[in-house]
Amino acid sequence: MTPLEPDKIDTLFINCHLATMTGNALSIIEKAALAVTGKTISWIGRQKDLPDHLRTSCQKLIDCRNGWILPGFVDCHTHLVWGGSRSNEFEMRLSGATYEEISKKGGGIFSTVQSTRNASKDELFTLASKRVAALLSQGITTLEIKSGYGLKLETELKMLKVIGQLDKTFPLHIEATFLGAHALPQEFADDSDGYIDLVTKTMLPAVKDQAIATAVDVFCERIAFNLSQTRKVLQTATDLGLKVKLHAEQLSDSNGAAMAAQFSALSCDHLEYLSLSGAKKMAEHNVTAVLLPGAFYFLKETKKPPVQILKDLKIPIAVSTDLNPGSSPVHSMTLILNMACMLFDLTCEQALLGATINGAKALGLELSKGSIEKGKDADLVVWDIDTPADLCYLAGLTPIEMIMIGGKIQHNTLHK
């Protein structure tokens, strides 16, 4: 039972089981009740310990009929604002072309960049809205979205403004990340340092002045930007007071994770080629590891992230859809949970922690999101499942009965 009882409650959930995601475990409370006051969780405990006056005074009583309540999923790594399609590249990969080969032929990110540059703000918003709606319907209540398909000031700002518009339009919470250093645009093909100068001297100050992103990301890889260029972006972002994160060690060991740790990055993402020394640096600086099994699956990769090292070093492991047009067009967090277990050897508990509290840690939101605790945001999903493991086992199924975000019900089939 929660030590201090609220004076009043707005919504009371009864006849439920809770997977609270506290203490680095599922932390299950069976035969539970949960109260919400305003936007936050105000009481948690066994239903038999629920004070009578709370039950009788609540404005809305919700009988969960033995359903499970989990914190809303936190999708901490997506690129869901883009124009155009890359289904043709899917067919190319099926014929044997690699991600790098497609990129060198002007495909990959470059084709999306051109389509995104050509699209209007309204067109991008319409396309992205469909993707956000799909993720919301999957129980995702907190979402990160990166720019990075503009690669010039005008389009990068356009993308970030679309992300801001999505945040205002949809009930879920959206964090915007500036990823101007996603790839080298073709107009800078022979001048990567010149492009990094554009990112650091022009783009980043504009992003800061307009307050349209909370974090900065870089693709540190042999097909993108080297260590010194990455350091320059991270240093500039840090000097401007922005949080940083990194696409690291996806295709090779570039030692990016160790460098990002020096900047106390929120997260390092992908990490298939992460070294032991890089992992130790992440552990020392409390950097969350974000695993992206959708990209691993879609690109037919064979090099797995060193999950056992991450576990041994007690590095928080998050999982995310990485929703993007080229390497992970995956719109289902439950499918990602299954992939995390089957491809990366996570347990169901570890995968679920990765999509909730550890996803929140990857965004610096662990004090308000990702677990069921008194005082945290009431971002909750009621599931019609027998056990939390069903969300990993029943690949792609989302048997949601109710979604609540910030204390407001957004979806409800419980009483229909």
Protein backbone atom coordinates (compact mmCIF):
# COMPACT_ATOMS: atom_id res chain seq x y z
CA MET A 1 0.00 0.00 0.00
CA THR A 2 1.17 3.54 -0.74
CA PRO A 3 2.15 5.23 2.57
CA LEU A 4 0.19 8.47 2.07
CA GLU A 5 -3.39 8.41 0.85
CA PRO A 6 -4.67 11.11 -1.51
CA ASP A 7 -7.41 13.48 -0.38
CA LYS A 8 -9.41 12.71 -3.51
CA ILE A 9 -9.15 10.63 -6.64
CA ASP A 10 -10.56 11.05 -10.11
CA THR A 11 -10.25 7.51 -11.49
CA LEU A 12 -10.02 4.22 -9.64
CA PHE A 13 -9.01 0.96 -11.33
CA ILE A 14 -10.11 -2.19 -9.50
CA ASN A 15 -9.97 -5.93 -10.16
CA CYS A 16 -6.63 -5.61 -11.90
CA HIS A 17 -3.08 -6.92 -11.75
CA LEU A 18 -0.15 -4.54 -11.99
CA ALA A 19 3.29 -4.94 -13.51
CA THR A 20 4.81 -1.79 -12.05
CA MET A 21 8.31 -2.03 -13.63
CA THR A 22 10.00 -0.84 -10.45
CA GLY A 23 13.23 -2.18 -8.95
CA ASN A 24 14.50 -3.42 -12.34
CA ALA A 25 11.82 -6.11 -12.37
CA LEU A 26 8.21 -6.63 -13.34
CA SER A 27 7.36 -6.05 -9.65
CA ILE A 28 3.92 -7.57 -9.92
CA ILE A 29 1.02 -6.71 -7.61
CA GLU A 30 -1.86 -9.14 -8.08
CA LYS A 31 -5.47 -8.42 -7.13
CA ALA A 32 -4.62 -4.76 -7.10
CA ALA A 33 -6.17 -1.32 -7.29
CA LEU A 34 -4.75 1.88 -8.71
CA ALA A 35 -5.95 5.45 -8.25
CA VAL A 36 -5.35 8.50 -10.42
CA THR A 37 -5.70 12.10 -9.31
CA GLY A 38 -5.39 14.73 -11.99
CA LYS A 39 -2.55 13.70 -14.29
CA THR A 40 -0.71 11.45 -11.86
CA ILE A 41 -0.90 8.12 -10.08
CA SER A 42 -2.00 8.73 -6.49
CA TRP A 43 -2.50 5.28 -4.91
CA ILE A 44 -1.23 1.77 -5.65
CA GLY A 45 -1.69 -1.41 -3.69
CA ARG A 46 -3.58 -4.61 -3.06
CA GLN A 47 -7.29 -4.09 -3.52
CA LYS A 48 -7.98 -5.47 -0.05
CA ASP A 49 -5.94 -2.57 1.36
CA LEU A 50 -7.91 0.09 -0.52
CA PRO A 51 -9.50 2.55 1.94
CA ASP A 52 -13.27 2.58 1.71
CA HIS A 53 -13.49 6.34 1.34
CA LEU A 54 -11.36 6.25 -1.82
CA ARG A 55 -13.64 3.75 -3.50
CA THR A 56 -16.80 5.61 -2.59
CA SER A 57 -15.53 9.08 -3.43
CA CYS A 58 -13.91 8.47 -6.82
CA GLN A 59 -15.47 10.14 -9.83
CA LYS A 60 -14.86 7.22 -12.23
CA LEU A 61 -14.66 3.56 -11.23
CA ILE A 62 -13.14 1.19 -13.78
CA ASP A 63 -13.52 -2.57 -13.36
CA CYS A 64 -10.58 -4.14 -15.22
CA ARG A 65 -12.10 -7.64 -15.03
CA ASN A 66 -8.77 -9.22 -14.04
CA GLY A 67 -6.91 -7.39 -16.79
CA TRP A 68 -3.28 -6.33 -16.45
CA ILE A 69 -2.16 -2.72 -16.16
CA LEU A 70 1.32 -1.81 -17.36
CA PRO A 71 2.89 1.59 -17.86
CA GLY A 72 2.44 2.85 -21.40
CA PHE A 73 5.22 1.84 -23.75
CA VAL A 74 8.05 4.32 -24.32
CA ASP A 75 9.30 4.19 -27.92
CA CYS A 76 12.63 5.93 -27.45
CA HIS A 77 14.07 5.83 -31.01
CA THR A 78 12.12 6.57 -34.19
CA HIS A 79 12.54 8.44 -37.47
CA LEU A 80 8.86 8.52 -38.37
CA VAL A 81 8.70 11.88 -40.19
CA TRP A 82 9.63 11.22 -43.81
CA GLY A 83 8.43 11.57 -47.36
CA GLY A 84 8.38 8.99 -50.13
CA SER A 85 8.74 5.21 -50.01
CA ARG A 86 11.60 2.75 -50.12
CA SER A 87 9.77 -0.48 -50.77
CA ASN A 88 11.92 -0.89 -53.89
CA GLU A 89 14.99 -1.14 -51.65
CA PHE A 90 13.32 -3.94 -49.74
CA GLU A 91 13.20 -5.87 -53.00
CA MET A 92 16.84 -4.96 -53.71
CA ARG A 93 17.90 -6.35 -50.35
CA LEU A 94 15.95 -9.52 -51.04
CA SER A 95 18.08 -9.85 -54.15
CA GLY A 96 21.26 -9.57 -52.12
CA ALA A 97 22.15 -5.86 -52.03
CA THR A 98 23.52 -4.63 -48.70
CA TYR A 99 22.55 -1.47 -46.81
CA GLU A 100 25.93 0.07 -47.65
CA GLU A 101 25.70 -0.87 -51.36
CA ILE A 102 22.29 0.74 -51.66
CA SER A 103 23.57 3.84 -49.88
CA LYS A 104 26.57 4.17 -52.21
CA LYS A 105 24.26 4.01 -55.24
CA GLY A 106 22.36 7.05 -54.04
CA GLY A 107 19.59 5.07 -52.40
CA GLY A 108 18.95 4.59 -48.73
CA ILE A 109 18.82 7.79 -46.76
CA PHE A 110 19.47 9.90 -49.86
CA SER A 111 16.25 8.93 -51.61
CA THR A 112 14.28 9.72 -48.46
CA VAL A 113 16.12 13.02 -48.10
CA GLN A 114 15.07 14.08 -51.58
CA SER A 115 11.44 13.11 -51.01
CA THR A 116 11.38 14.82 -47.62
CA ARG A 117 12.91 18.01 -49.00
CA ASN A 118 10.28 18.06 -51.74
CA ALA A 119 7.35 17.47 -49.38
CA SER A 120 5.50 20.36 -47.78
CA LYS A 121 5.13 20.68 -44.03
CA ASP A 122 1.45 19.74 -44.33
CA GLU A 123 2.26 16.69 -46.43
CA LEU A 124 4.84 15.48 -43.92
CA PHE A 125 2.40 16.07 -41.07
CA THR A 126 -0.33 14.05 -42.78
CA LEU A 127 2.01 11.11 -43.45
CA ALA A 128 3.53 11.18 -39.97
CA SER A 129 0.11 11.45 -38.31
CA LYS A 130 -0.85 8.03 -39.65
CA ARG A 131 2.31 6.54 -38.15
CA VAL A 132 1.84 8.22 -34.78
CA ALA A 133 -1.77 7.04 -34.67
CA ALA A 134 -0.61 3.49 -35.37
CA LEU A 135 1.94 3.63 -32.55
CA LEU A 136 -0.59 5.11 -30.13
CA SER A 137 -2.97 2.26 -30.91
CA GLN A 138 -0.15 -0.14 -29.94
CA GLY A 139 -0.01 1.22 -26.38
CA ILE A 140 2.86 3.65 -26.94
CA THR A 141 2.28 6.72 -24.76
CA THR A 142 5.72 8.35 -25.01
CA LEU A 143 7.54 8.70 -28.30
CA GLU A 144 10.85 10.06 -29.55
CA ILE A 145 11.08 11.33 -33.13
CA LYS A 146 14.29 12.39 -34.87
CA SER A 147 14.87 14.76 -37.75
CA GLY A 148 17.65 13.80 -40.15
CA TYR A 149 16.01 13.45 -43.56
CA GLY A 150 16.56 17.09 -44.43
CA LEU A 151 20.34 17.50 -44.19
CA LYS A 152 19.97 21.21 -44.82
CA LEU A 153 18.75 23.91 -42.45
CA GLU A 154 15.37 24.58 -44.04
CA THR A 155 14.24 20.94 -44.16
CA GLU A 156 15.66 19.99 -40.78
CA LEU A 157 13.71 22.84 -39.18
CA LYS A 158 10.63 21.84 -41.20
CA MET A 159 10.84 18.31 -39.82
CA LEU A 160 11.27 19.53 -36.25
CA LYS A 161 8.27 21.81 -36.62
CA VAL A 162 6.22 18.86 -37.86
CA ILE A 163 7.31 16.92 -34.77
CA GLY A 164 6.17 19.82 -32.59
CA GLN A 165 2.82 19.89 -34.38
CA LEU A 166 2.42 16.15 -33.81
CA ASP A 167 3.10 16.65 -30.11
CA LYS A 168 0.36 19.27 -29.91
CA THR A 169 -2.11 17.21 -31.95
CA PHE A 170 -1.80 13.78 -30.33
CA PRO A 171 -2.26 12.95 -26.63
CA LEU A 172 0.98 11.03 -26.28
CA HIS A 173 4.16 12.79 -25.18
CA ILE A 174 6.69 13.37 -27.97
CA GLU A 175 10.38 14.20 -27.57
CA ALA A 176 12.08 15.82 -30.58
CA THR A 177 15.70 14.98 -31.43
CA PHE A 178 17.83 16.86 -33.94
CA LEU A 179 19.74 14.43 -36.18
CA GLY A 180 21.24 16.79 -38.72
CA ALA A 181 24.38 14.64 -38.73
CA HIS A 182 22.51 11.61 -40.04
CA ALA A 183 24.29 11.29 -43.38
CA LEU A 184 26.48 13.37 -45.66
CA PRO A 185 24.24 15.16 -48.19
CA GLN A 186 25.22 14.81 -51.81
CA GLU A 187 25.99 18.51 -52.18
CA PHE A 188 28.76 18.02 -49.57
CA ALA A 189 29.98 14.72 -51.03
CA ASP A 190 33.62 15.85 -51.03
CA ASP A 191 33.49 18.05 -47.95
CA SER A 192 32.29 16.20 -44.86
CA ASP A 193 34.05 18.65 -42.55
CA GLY A 194 32.26 21.50 -44.30
CA TYR A 195 28.91 19.85 -43.64
CA ILE A 196 29.76 19.36 -39.97
CA ASP A 197 30.61 23.07 -39.85
CA LEU A 198 27.12 23.77 -41.23
CA VAL A 199 25.58 21.52 -38.57
CA THR A 200 27.51 23.05 -35.68
CA LYS A 201 27.66 26.71 -36.73
CA THR A 202 24.27 27.17 -38.38
CA MET A 203 21.83 24.34 -37.72
CA LEU A 204 22.43 23.73 -34.02
CA PRO A 205 22.21 27.41 -33.01
CA ALA A 206 18.94 27.70 -34.96
CA VAL A 207 17.55 24.59 -33.26
CA LYS A 208 18.50 26.00 -29.88
CA ASP A 209 17.11 29.48 -30.61
CA GLN A 210 13.77 28.06 -31.76
CA ALA A 211 13.63 25.55 -28.86
CA ILE A 212 12.33 22.81 -31.15
CA ALA A 213 14.46 19.87 -29.98
CA THR A 214 15.51 18.55 -26.59
CA ALA A 215 18.37 16.33 -27.73
CA VAL A 216 20.96 15.94 -30.48
CA ASP A 217 21.94 12.67 -32.16
CA VAL A 218 24.74 11.73 -34.58
CA PHE A 219 25.27 8.70 -36.83
CA CYS A 220 28.86 7.79 -35.97
CA GLU A 221 29.81 5.16 -38.55
CA ARG A 222 32.08 4.55 -41.51
CA ILE A 223 29.28 5.47 -43.94
CA ALA A 224 28.43 8.59 -41.96
CA PHE A 225 30.64 10.64 -39.61
CA ASN A 226 33.96 9.87 -37.93
CA LEU A 227 34.91 10.26 -34.30
CA SER A 228 36.34 13.76 -34.53
CA GLN A 229 33.31 15.03 -36.48
CA THR A 230 30.96 13.36 -34.01
CA ARG A 231 32.83 14.89 -31.09
CA LYS A 232 32.45 18.34 -32.63
CA VAL A 233 28.68 17.96 -32.87
CA LEU A 234 28.34 16.53 -29.37
CA GLN A 235 30.53 19.28 -27.91
CA THR A 236 28.54 22.01 -29.64
CA ALA A 237 25.25 20.50 -28.51
CA THR A 238 26.50 20.19 -24.94
CA ASP A 239 27.73 23.80 -24.95
CA LEU A 240 24.26 24.87 -26.07
CA GLY A 241 22.67 22.97 -23.18
CA LEU A 242 21.13 20.20 -25.27
CA LYS A 243 21.16 16.54 -24.28
CA VAL A 244 23.03 14.14 -26.54
CA LYS A 245 22.71 10.57 -27.78
CA LEU A 246 24.41 8.52 -30.48
CA HIS A 247 23.85 5.98 -33.23
CA ALA A 248 26.87 3.85 -32.33
CA GLU A 249 28.60 0.65 -33.40
CA GLN A 250 25.85 -0.50 -35.77
CA LEU A 251 28.01 -1.57 -38.71
CA SER A 252 31.48 -1.50 -37.15
CA ASP A 253 33.28 -0.72 -33.90
CA SER A 254 33.95 2.99 -34.30
CA ASN A 255 34.53 3.53 -30.57
CA GLY A 256 31.63 5.96 -30.62
CA ALA A 257 30.01 4.58 -27.49
CA ALA A 258 33.08 5.33 -25.38
CA MET A 259 33.23 8.88 -26.70
CA ALA A 260 29.51 9.46 -26.18
CA ALA A 261 29.93 8.27 -22.61
CA GLN A 262 32.45 11.08 -22.07
CA PHE A 263 29.59 13.48 -22.82
CA SER A 264 27.23 11.60 -20.46
CA ALA A 265 24.96 10.78 -23.38
CA LEU A 266 21.41 9.70 -22.62
CA SER A 267 21.86 6.62 -24.77
CA CYS A 268 23.88 4.77 -27.36
CA ASP A 269 21.70 3.01 -29.90
CA HIS A 270 22.13 -0.12 -32.08
CA LEU A 271 25.45 -1.39 -30.58
CA GLU A 272 25.87 -4.60 -32.58
CA TYR A 273 29.67 -4.07 -32.63
CA LEU A 274 30.01 -2.63 -29.13
CA SER A 275 33.34 -3.53 -27.51
CA LEU A 276 33.85 -4.48 -23.88
CA SER A 277 35.82 -1.29 -23.28
CA GLY A 278 33.06 0.80 -24.83
CA ALA A 279 30.45 -0.95 -22.71
CA LYS A 280 32.47 -0.29 -19.56
CA LYS A 281 32.56 3.42 -20.41
CA MET A 282 28.79 3.38 -20.87
CA ALA A 283 28.38 1.75 -17.48
CA GLU A 284 30.66 4.29 -15.81
CA HIS A 285 28.64 7.21 -17.18
CA ASN A 286 25.13 5.73 -16.81
CA VAL A 287 24.45 5.59 -20.55
CA THR A 288 21.40 3.52 -21.55
CA ALA A 289 21.83 0.93 -24.29
CA VAL A 290 19.03 1.07 -26.88
CA LEU A 291 18.65 -2.15 -28.86
CA LEU A 292 16.84 -2.03 -32.19
CA PRO A 293 15.93 -5.58 -33.23
CA GLY A 294 13.71 -4.35 -36.06
CA ALA A 295 16.72 -3.01 -37.97
CA PHE A 296 18.73 -6.13 -37.16
CA TYR A 297 15.91 -8.28 -38.55
CA PHE A 298 15.10 -6.11 -41.56
CA LEU A 299 18.72 -5.79 -42.68
CA LYS A 300 19.35 -9.51 -42.12
CA GLU A 301 22.26 -8.74 -39.83
CA THR A 302 24.11 -11.58 -38.13
CA LYS A 303 26.25 -9.74 -35.59
CA LYS A 304 24.24 -9.51 -32.37
CA PRO A 305 24.75 -6.81 -29.76
CA PRO A 306 26.76 -8.08 -26.76
CA VAL A 307 23.68 -8.43 -24.58
CA GLN A 308 25.39 -10.55 -21.93
CA ILE A 309 28.03 -7.85 -21.45
CA LEU A 310 25.30 -5.25 -21.03
CA LYS A 311 23.61 -7.46 -18.44
CA ASP A 312 26.85 -8.19 -16.60
CA LEU A 313 27.67 -4.48 -16.39
CA LYS A 314 24.11 -3.68 -15.31
CA ILE A 315 23.66 -1.23 -18.17
CA PRO A 316 19.95 -0.40 -18.61
CA ILE A 317 18.70 -2.01 -21.84
CA ALA A 318 15.95 -0.25 -23.76
CA VAL A 319 14.21 -1.56 -26.88
CA SER A 320 12.49 0.51 -29.54
CA THR A 321 10.78 0.20 -32.90
CA ASP A 322 13.32 2.41 -34.74
CA LEU A 323 10.41 3.14 -37.08
CA ASN A 324 11.97 4.42 -40.30
CA PRO A 325 11.53 3.87 -44.05
CA GLY A 326 14.77 2.07 -44.82
CA SER A 327 15.87 -0.32 -42.11
CA SER A 328 12.93 -0.77 -39.72
CA PRO A 329 9.45 0.01 -41.07
CA VAL A 330 8.03 -1.66 -37.95
CA HIS A 331 4.90 -0.19 -36.37
CA SER A 332 4.39 -2.70 -33.53
CA MET A 333 6.07 -2.60 -30.14
CA THR A 334 4.79 -6.07 -29.25
CA LEU A 335 6.47 -7.42 -32.39
CA ILE A 336 9.67 -5.66 -31.29
CA LEU A 337 9.35 -7.28 -27.85
CA ASN A 338 9.16 -10.69 -29.51
CA MET A 339 12.18 -9.90 -31.69
CA ALA A 340 14.16 -8.70 -28.67
CA CYS A 341 13.56 -12.07 -27.02
CA MET A 342 14.05 -14.26 -30.07
CA LEU A 343 16.92 -12.42 -31.78
CA PHE A 344 18.77 -10.79 -28.86
CA ASP A 345 18.10 -13.36 -26.10
CA LEU A 346 16.34 -11.00 -23.72
CA THR A 347 13.92 -12.51 -21.23
CA CYS A 348 10.32 -11.34 -21.36
CA GLU A 349 10.94 -9.32 -18.21
CA GLN A 350 14.01 -7.64 -19.70
CA ALA A 351 12.20 -6.84 -22.94
CA LEU A 352 9.25 -5.31 -21.10
CA LEU A 353 11.57 -3.25 -18.92
CA GLY A 354 13.22 -2.14 -22.16
CA ALA A 355 9.95 -0.84 -23.58
CA THR A 356 8.95 0.96 -20.38
CA ILE A 357 11.26 2.25 -17.65
CA ASN A 358 14.50 1.77 -19.57
CA GLY A 359 12.99 3.47 -22.61
CA ALA A 360 12.17 6.37 -20.31
CA LYS A 361 15.77 6.40 -19.06
CA ALA A 362 16.96 6.62 -22.67
CA LEU A 363 15.02 9.88 -22.94
CA GLY A 364 15.88 11.24 -19.51
CA LEU A 365 12.23 10.86 -18.46
CA GLU A 366 12.53 8.12 -15.84
CA LEU A 367 11.26 10.39 -13.05
CA SER A 368 7.88 10.81 -14.74
CA LYS A 369 7.42 7.98 -17.25
CA GLY A 370 7.92 4.24 -17.66
CA SER A 371 6.77 2.74 -14.35
CA ILE A 372 3.74 2.63 -12.10
CA GLU A 373 4.65 4.66 -9.03
CA LYS A 374 2.89 7.24 -6.94
CA GLY A 375 3.48 10.73 -8.31
CA LYS A 376 4.38 9.57 -11.81
CA ASP A 377 2.34 10.45 -14.88
CA ALA A 378 -0.76 8.31 -15.24
CA ASP A 379 0.25 6.86 -18.61
CA LEU A 380 -1.32 3.42 -18.35
CA VAL A 381 -2.50 0.60 -20.59
CA VAL A 382 -5.00 -2.08 -19.55
CA TRP A 383 -4.31 -5.35 -21.37
CA ASP A 384 -6.51 -8.41 -21.84
CA ILE A 385 -3.74 -10.93 -21.19
CA ASP A 386 -3.08 -13.79 -18.79
CA THR A 387 0.45 -12.71 -17.91
CA PRO A 388 2.81 -9.87 -18.96
CA ALA A 389 4.89 -12.40 -20.89
CA ASP A 390 2.01 -12.66 -23.38
CA LEU A 391 3.08 -9.28 -24.76
CA CYS A 392 6.34 -10.89 -25.89
CA TYR A 393 4.95 -14.33 -26.73
CA LEU A 394 1.91 -13.37 -28.84
CA ALA A 395 4.00 -11.74 -31.56
CA GLY A 396 2.39 -8.58 -32.90
CA LEU A 397 -0.91 -8.98 -31.01
CA THR A 398 -2.07 -5.91 -29.06
CA PRO A 399 -5.10 -6.88 -26.94
CA ILE A 400 -5.59 -3.41 -25.45
CA GLU A 401 -8.73 -2.61 -23.49
CA MET A 402 -7.90 0.89 -22.31
CA ILE A 403 -5.24 3.55 -22.83
CA MET A 404 -4.86 6.43 -20.38
CA ILE A 405 -2.39 9.27 -20.92
CA GLY A 406 -1.87 11.95 -18.31
CA GLY A 407 -4.95 10.81 -16.43
CA LYS A 408 -7.23 11.05 -19.47
CA ILE A 409 -8.74 7.99 -21.15
CA GLN A 410 -7.88 7.87 -24.85
CA HIS A 411 -9.22 4.42 -25.74
CA ASN A 412 -11.70 2.22 -23.92
CA THR A 413 -13.38 -1.05 -24.81
CA LEU A 414 -13.75 -2.37 -21.27
CA HIS A 415 -17.40 -1.48 -20.90
CA LYS A 416 -18.60 -1.95 -24.45
